[in-house]
């Protein structure tokens, strides 16, 4: 009976959600449009890669590079990573502390593709020269986990935060108190419906990313789904807290946007944040979206779930803090 009641409430909330065309567009269509647009712009090009050879490489290594890449440039001095960052080269082979390494930008597709070609040309038969990182992952692979995080935030923060306040303004929350529907079932329906919606959105993004760009979200789906569900819990709690501190729908929308906009741009959803001013580092680390994006993206590059305990702990701490605030100040009427 309890499971049947919960499923009935989840279906009811999903139907209500799907009737709101703006919410459907923002949660379903916006990530898809961003994936197609940003993936097309930054997803790569067909020009020949520009390869750099650091001064000091053994002649046999330099000769192998030049045989595969006749236009490779020999560069004397300077930081290889800086050469890649300023786009003097797409990728550069240089001596490293544990053998040879490839300097490349995993977010910029031409750089990642150049590093992959260097790996194939130089290191397939020489494990000791294997580069670090994942040079076969391009910008779409970087972007996809960020867009999954985007869908979690937009689906949970806005629809719960604004939706609960709308229910309160219309007197619907007050009616819940005098109906046979338990309060826990109403609240669980809010959370359960967001889980279903986020799973659908994630499946759609994963399929589209693979079909259009050949991008993979992760090879460890159980760990990825665990982090995803934790993200849904965290931002559902944030949505309830926004509803708790907001008295009107307009106020809830303003608070949600005030939270949403800085998080999206400062948490690395679209682009790396390593190059942002150091003064912002504390703010970036403190945002609840940052550990979610970091964990989802790390699972896409082969990280073990056990290595993500700082991000998981941060999400759990945010969830507990927001639930405590909601329980303390939430109003049904």
Protein backbone atom coordinates (compact mmCIF):
# COMPACT_ATOMS: atom_id res chain seq x y z
CA UNK A 1 0.00 0.00 0.00
CA UNK A 2 2.83 2.40 0.88
CA UNK A 3 4.67 1.73 -2.40
CA UNK A 4 1.45 2.11 -4.38
CA UNK A 5 0.69 5.43 -2.67
CA UNK A 6 4.22 6.70 -3.33
CA UNK A 7 4.14 5.69 -7.00
CA UNK A 8 0.74 7.36 -7.42
CA UNK A 9 2.15 10.60 -5.99
CA UNK A 10 5.28 10.38 -8.15
CA UNK A 11 3.17 9.96 -11.30
CA UNK A 12 0.97 12.87 -10.23
CA UNK A 13 3.99 15.15 -9.78
CA UNK A 14 5.44 14.12 -13.14
CA UNK A 15 2.15 14.94 -14.88
CA UNK A 16 2.07 18.35 -13.19
CA UNK A 17 5.66 18.96 -14.22
CA UNK A 18 5.08 18.02 -17.85
CA UNK A 19 2.17 20.46 -18.09
CA UNK A 20 4.57 23.35 -17.44
CA UNK A 21 6.04 23.93 -20.88
CA UNK A 22 8.67 26.36 -19.64
CA UNK A 23 9.99 23.84 -17.12
CA UNK A 24 10.04 21.11 -19.75
CA UNK A 25 11.96 23.31 -22.18
CA UNK A 26 14.46 24.48 -19.57
CA UNK A 27 15.12 21.00 -18.21
CA UNK A 28 14.90 18.85 -21.35
CA UNK A 29 15.54 21.01 -24.41
CA UNK A 30 18.04 23.53 -23.04
CA UNK A 31 20.77 20.93 -22.22
CA UNK A 32 20.26 19.33 -25.64
CA UNK A 33 20.61 22.66 -27.42
CA UNK A 34 23.71 23.49 -25.37
CA UNK A 35 25.25 20.12 -26.20
CA UNK A 36 24.63 20.53 -29.93
CA UNK A 37 25.71 24.18 -30.02
CA UNK A 38 28.80 24.03 -27.82
CA UNK A 39 29.78 20.62 -29.17
CA UNK A 40 29.63 21.94 -32.74
CA UNK A 41 31.62 25.06 -31.89
CA UNK A 42 34.32 23.50 -29.72
CA UNK A 43 34.06 19.87 -30.77
CA UNK A 44 36.91 19.87 -33.22
CA UNK A 45 38.03 20.74 -36.72
CA UNK A 46 39.61 19.00 -39.71
CA UNK A 47 42.91 20.90 -39.91
CA UNK A 48 46.23 19.14 -39.45
CA UNK A 49 47.40 19.17 -35.82
CA UNK A 50 50.27 21.42 -34.83
CA UNK A 51 52.81 19.31 -32.95
CA UNK A 52 55.62 20.69 -30.80
CA UNK A 53 58.88 18.91 -29.98
CA UNK A 54 60.57 20.11 -26.81
CA UNK A 55 64.26 20.82 -26.98
CA UNK A 56 66.21 18.04 -25.29
CA UNK A 57 64.26 15.02 -26.53
CA UNK A 58 66.47 12.10 -27.61
CA UNK A 59 67.13 12.15 -31.35
CA UNK A 60 65.33 8.83 -31.94
CA UNK A 61 62.16 10.13 -30.31
CA UNK A 62 62.29 13.40 -32.24
CA UNK A 63 62.89 11.44 -35.46
CA UNK A 64 59.80 9.27 -34.87
CA UNK A 65 57.69 12.38 -34.33
CA UNK A 66 59.00 14.09 -37.44
CA UNK A 67 58.39 10.94 -39.49
CA UNK A 68 54.71 10.94 -38.50
CA UNK A 69 54.28 14.73 -38.43
CA UNK A 70 56.53 16.41 -41.04
CA UNK A 71 55.34 19.88 -39.96
CA UNK A 72 56.22 19.35 -36.29
CA UNK A 73 58.03 22.27 -34.70
CA UNK A 74 61.12 22.04 -32.51
CA UNK A 75 60.70 24.49 -29.62
CA UNK A 76 63.61 25.50 -27.42
CA UNK A 77 62.86 26.36 -23.80
CA UNK A 78 59.59 27.47 -22.28
CA UNK A 79 56.84 25.59 -20.46
CA UNK A 80 55.16 23.00 -22.75
CA UNK A 81 51.81 23.52 -21.04
CA UNK A 82 52.06 27.27 -21.66
CA UNK A 83 52.73 26.61 -25.35
CA UNK A 84 49.53 24.57 -25.50
CA UNK A 85 47.56 27.13 -23.52
CA UNK A 86 48.51 29.99 -25.82
CA UNK A 87 47.72 27.72 -28.80
CA UNK A 88 51.19 27.92 -30.30
CA UNK A 89 50.83 24.15 -30.66
CA UNK A 90 48.00 21.67 -30.22
CA UNK A 91 50.16 19.16 -28.34
CA UNK A 92 53.81 18.97 -27.35
CA UNK A 93 56.11 16.09 -26.43
CA UNK A 94 58.48 16.94 -23.59
CA UNK A 95 60.59 15.20 -20.95
CA UNK A 96 58.73 14.52 -17.71
CA UNK A 97 59.63 13.49 -14.16
CA UNK A 98 58.63 9.88 -14.85
CA UNK A 99 59.67 9.54 -18.49
CA UNK A 100 58.24 11.38 -21.43
CA UNK A 101 54.92 13.16 -21.36
CA UNK A 102 52.53 14.88 -23.74
CA UNK A 103 51.32 18.36 -22.90
CA UNK A 104 47.81 18.90 -24.29
CA UNK A 105 44.45 20.45 -23.46
CA UNK A 106 41.86 17.68 -22.91
CA UNK A 107 39.00 20.15 -23.32
CA UNK A 108 40.06 21.50 -26.74
CA UNK A 109 39.26 18.77 -29.24
CA UNK A 110 42.11 19.46 -31.72
CA UNK A 111 44.57 19.26 -28.83
CA UNK A 112 43.09 16.02 -27.50
CA UNK A 113 43.05 14.53 -30.99
CA UNK A 114 46.68 15.53 -31.57
CA UNK A 115 47.69 13.91 -28.29
CA UNK A 116 45.83 10.74 -29.25
CA UNK A 117 47.68 10.60 -32.57
CA UNK A 118 51.00 11.15 -30.79
CA UNK A 119 50.15 8.35 -28.38
CA UNK A 120 49.42 5.99 -31.26
CA UNK A 121 52.57 7.01 -33.14
CA UNK A 122 55.04 6.96 -30.27
CA UNK A 123 53.84 5.03 -27.28
CA UNK A 124 51.91 2.00 -28.46
CA UNK A 125 55.02 -0.17 -28.31
CA UNK A 126 56.74 1.62 -25.43
CA UNK A 127 54.73 1.51 -22.19
CA UNK A 128 57.42 3.43 -20.31
CA UNK A 129 56.65 6.44 -22.49
CA UNK A 130 52.88 6.34 -21.96
CA UNK A 131 51.45 9.82 -21.30
CA UNK A 132 49.25 10.66 -18.37
CA UNK A 133 45.65 11.82 -18.74
CA UNK A 134 42.98 10.79 -21.24
CA UNK A 135 43.94 12.28 -24.60
CA UNK A 136 41.16 10.42 -26.42
CA UNK A 137 38.49 12.46 -24.63
CA UNK A 138 37.39 15.63 -26.37
CA UNK A 139 35.27 18.62 -25.43
CA UNK A 140 31.96 16.73 -25.73
CA UNK A 141 33.22 14.19 -23.18
CA UNK A 142 34.08 17.12 -20.90
CA UNK A 143 30.76 18.88 -21.48
CA UNK A 144 28.36 15.95 -21.01
CA UNK A 145 28.81 15.50 -17.21
CA UNK A 146 28.44 19.25 -16.77
CA UNK A 147 25.14 19.19 -18.65
CA UNK A 148 23.92 16.29 -16.51
CA UNK A 149 24.65 18.47 -13.48
CA UNK A 150 22.82 21.32 -15.23
CA UNK A 151 19.70 19.17 -15.62
CA UNK A 152 19.84 18.16 -11.96
CA UNK A 153 19.98 21.77 -10.81
CA UNK A 154 17.30 23.07 -13.16
CA UNK A 155 14.93 20.16 -12.52
CA UNK A 156 15.25 20.18 -8.75
CA UNK A 157 16.02 23.77 -7.76
CA UNK A 158 13.50 25.61 -9.91
CA UNK A 159 10.60 23.19 -10.10
CA UNK A 160 10.63 22.34 -6.40
CA UNK A 161 11.51 25.80 -5.12
CA UNK A 162 8.98 27.67 -7.24
CA UNK A 163 6.44 24.83 -7.32
CA UNK A 164 6.17 24.50 -3.54
CA UNK A 165 5.67 28.26 -3.14
CA UNK A 166 2.99 28.18 -5.83
CA UNK A 167 1.22 25.36 -3.97
CA UNK A 168 1.42 27.41 -0.78
CA UNK A 169 0.03 30.56 -2.42
CA UNK A 170 -2.92 28.61 -3.85
CA UNK A 171 -3.66 26.99 -0.49
CA UNK A 172 -2.83 23.52 -1.81
CA UNK A 173 -0.26 22.82 0.90
CA UNK A 174 -2.85 23.66 3.54
CA UNK A 175 -5.24 21.14 1.98
CA UNK A 176 -2.55 18.46 2.21
CA UNK A 177 -2.70 18.83 6.00
CA UNK A 178 -6.42 17.94 6.10
CA UNK A 179 -6.44 15.15 3.49
CA UNK A 180 -5.63 11.45 4.01
CA UNK A 181 -2.40 11.95 2.03
CA UNK A 182 0.50 11.75 4.50
CA UNK A 183 2.90 14.66 4.46
CA UNK A 184 5.80 12.30 3.88
CA UNK A 185 4.12 10.95 0.73
CA UNK A 186 3.72 14.45 -0.67
CA UNK A 187 7.37 15.28 -0.02
CA UNK A 188 8.59 11.90 -1.25
CA UNK A 189 6.57 12.39 -4.42
CA UNK A 190 8.44 15.62 -5.06
CA UNK A 191 11.80 13.88 -4.68
CA UNK A 192 10.85 10.67 -6.49
CA UNK A 193 9.44 12.48 -9.52
CA UNK A 194 12.70 14.45 -9.86
CA UNK A 195 14.69 11.23 -9.75
CA UNK A 196 12.64 9.81 -12.64
CA UNK A 197 12.90 13.03 -14.66
CA UNK A 198 16.66 13.36 -14.15
CA UNK A 199 17.22 9.72 -15.15
CA UNK A 200 15.24 10.30 -18.36
CA UNK A 201 17.18 13.48 -19.11
CA UNK A 202 20.51 11.76 -18.43
CA UNK A 203 19.64 8.86 -20.73
CA UNK A 204 18.66 11.31 -23.47
CA UNK A 205 21.88 13.31 -23.12
CA UNK A 206 24.03 10.17 -23.01
CA UNK A 207 22.41 8.79 -26.16
CA UNK A 208 22.64 12.07 -28.05
CA UNK A 209 26.24 12.66 -26.99
CA UNK A 210 27.25 9.20 -28.18
CA UNK A 211 25.34 9.36 -31.46
CA UNK A 212 26.42 12.88 -32.47
CA UNK A 213 29.88 13.28 -30.95
CA UNK A 214 30.93 9.75 -29.98
CA UNK A 215 31.16 10.91 -26.36
CA UNK A 216 30.78 8.60 -23.36
CA UNK A 217 29.54 9.69 -19.96
CA UNK A 218 31.23 6.93 -17.99
CA UNK A 219 32.25 3.28 -17.94
CA UNK A 220 31.22 2.90 -14.28
CA UNK A 221 27.46 3.39 -14.41
CA UNK A 222 26.67 2.16 -10.86
CA UNK A 223 29.02 4.74 -9.35
CA UNK A 224 27.80 7.42 -11.77
CA UNK A 225 24.16 6.77 -10.86
CA UNK A 226 24.99 6.83 -7.15
CA UNK A 227 26.58 10.27 -7.47
CA UNK A 228 23.70 11.41 -9.69
CA UNK A 229 21.12 10.36 -7.07
CA UNK A 230 23.11 12.14 -4.38
CA UNK A 231 23.08 15.25 -6.57
CA UNK A 232 19.30 15.00 -6.95
CA UNK A 233 18.96 14.76 -3.15
CA UNK A 234 21.23 17.77 -2.61
CA UNK A 235 19.51 20.08 -5.07
CA UNK A 236 16.03 18.89 -4.11
CA UNK A 237 16.94 19.90 -0.57
CA UNK A 238 18.12 23.24 -1.96
CA UNK A 239 14.79 23.61 -3.78
CA UNK A 240 12.87 22.97 -0.55
CA UNK A 241 15.07 25.49 1.25
CA UNK A 242 14.38 28.12 -1.43
CA UNK A 243 10.65 27.47 -0.94
CA UNK A 244 11.17 27.79 2.82
CA UNK A 245 12.74 31.25 2.67
CA UNK A 246 10.50 32.61 -0.14
CA UNK A 247 7.08 34.08 0.41
CA UNK A 248 5.94 34.48 -3.20
CA UNK A 249 6.52 32.78 -6.55
CA UNK A 250 8.33 35.87 -7.83
CA UNK A 251 10.54 35.84 -4.75
CA UNK A 252 11.32 32.14 -5.17
CA UNK A 253 12.22 32.67 -8.83
CA UNK A 254 14.54 35.53 -7.88
CA UNK A 255 16.28 33.52 -5.16
CA UNK A 256 16.63 30.46 -7.41
CA UNK A 257 18.19 32.52 -10.21
CA UNK A 258 20.50 34.27 -7.76
CA UNK A 259 21.79 30.84 -6.76
CA UNK A 260 21.69 29.22 -10.19
CA UNK A 261 23.50 31.72 -12.41
CA UNK A 262 26.76 32.04 -10.42
CA UNK A 263 26.90 28.29 -9.84
CA UNK A 264 26.55 27.42 -13.52
CA UNK A 265 29.41 29.70 -14.56
CA UNK A 266 31.72 29.17 -11.57
CA UNK A 267 31.41 25.40 -11.11
CA UNK A 268 32.93 24.34 -14.43
CA UNK A 269 29.76 23.18 -16.18
CA UNK A 270 30.81 24.46 -19.61
CA UNK A 271 34.52 25.19 -19.31
CA UNK A 272 37.38 24.52 -16.87
CA UNK A 273 37.64 26.99 -13.99
CA UNK A 274 41.34 26.47 -13.33
CA UNK A 275 42.19 29.72 -15.09
CA UNK A 276 39.84 31.89 -13.02
CA UNK A 277 41.37 34.38 -10.55
CA UNK A 278 42.65 32.82 -7.34
CA UNK A 279 40.40 35.11 -5.30
CA UNK A 280 37.43 33.09 -6.59
CA UNK A 281 38.86 29.72 -5.59
CA UNK A 282 37.21 29.72 -2.16
CA UNK A 283 33.82 30.62 -3.62
CA UNK A 284 34.14 27.96 -6.31
CA UNK A 285 35.02 25.30 -3.75
CA UNK A 286 32.11 26.34 -1.51
CA UNK A 287 29.41 26.05 -4.19
CA UNK A 288 27.36 22.83 -3.94
CA UNK A 289 27.47 22.33 -7.70
CA UNK A 290 31.29 22.18 -7.80
CA UNK A 291 31.68 18.78 -6.08
CA UNK A 292 28.85 17.32 -8.17
CA UNK A 293 30.44 18.42 -11.46
CA UNK A 294 33.87 17.25 -10.29
CA UNK A 295 32.58 13.82 -9.26
CA UNK A 296 30.54 13.21 -12.41
CA UNK A 297 33.41 14.34 -14.63
CA UNK A 298 35.99 12.28 -12.74
CA UNK A 299 33.87 9.14 -13.17
CA UNK A 300 33.93 9.83 -16.89
CA UNK A 301 37.73 9.68 -16.92
CA UNK A 302 38.00 6.38 -15.05
CA UNK A 303 38.28 7.61 -11.46
CA UNK A 304 37.39 5.19 -8.69
CA UNK A 305 34.41 6.06 -6.50
CA UNK A 306 36.57 5.75 -3.39
CA UNK A 307 38.79 8.57 -4.62
CA UNK A 308 35.79 10.91 -4.69
CA UNK A 309 35.10 10.93 -0.96
CA UNK A 310 35.81 14.71 -0.61
CA UNK A 311 33.15 15.51 -3.24
CA UNK A 312 30.69 13.01 -1.78
CA UNK A 313 31.28 14.35 1.73
CA UNK A 314 30.66 17.91 0.50
CA UNK A 315 27.37 16.92 -1.13
CA UNK A 316 26.26 15.06 1.99
CA UNK A 317 27.15 18.05 4.16
CA UNK A 318 25.18 20.43 1.94
CA UNK A 319 22.20 18.05 1.93
CA UNK A 320 22.20 17.73 5.72
CA UNK A 321 22.54 21.49 6.21
CA UNK A 322 19.71 22.31 3.80
CA UNK A 323 17.39 19.67 5.27
CA UNK A 324 18.07 21.00 8.76
CA UNK A 325 17.22 24.54 7.65
CA UNK A 326 14.06 23.37 5.89
CA UNK A 327 12.84 21.38 8.90
CA UNK A 328 13.46 24.38 11.13
CA UNK A 329 11.67 27.06 9.08
CA UNK A 330 9.39 25.38 6.52
CA UNK A 331 5.79 26.61 6.49
CA UNK A 332 2.82 24.68 5.10
CA UNK A 333 0.57 27.75 5.14
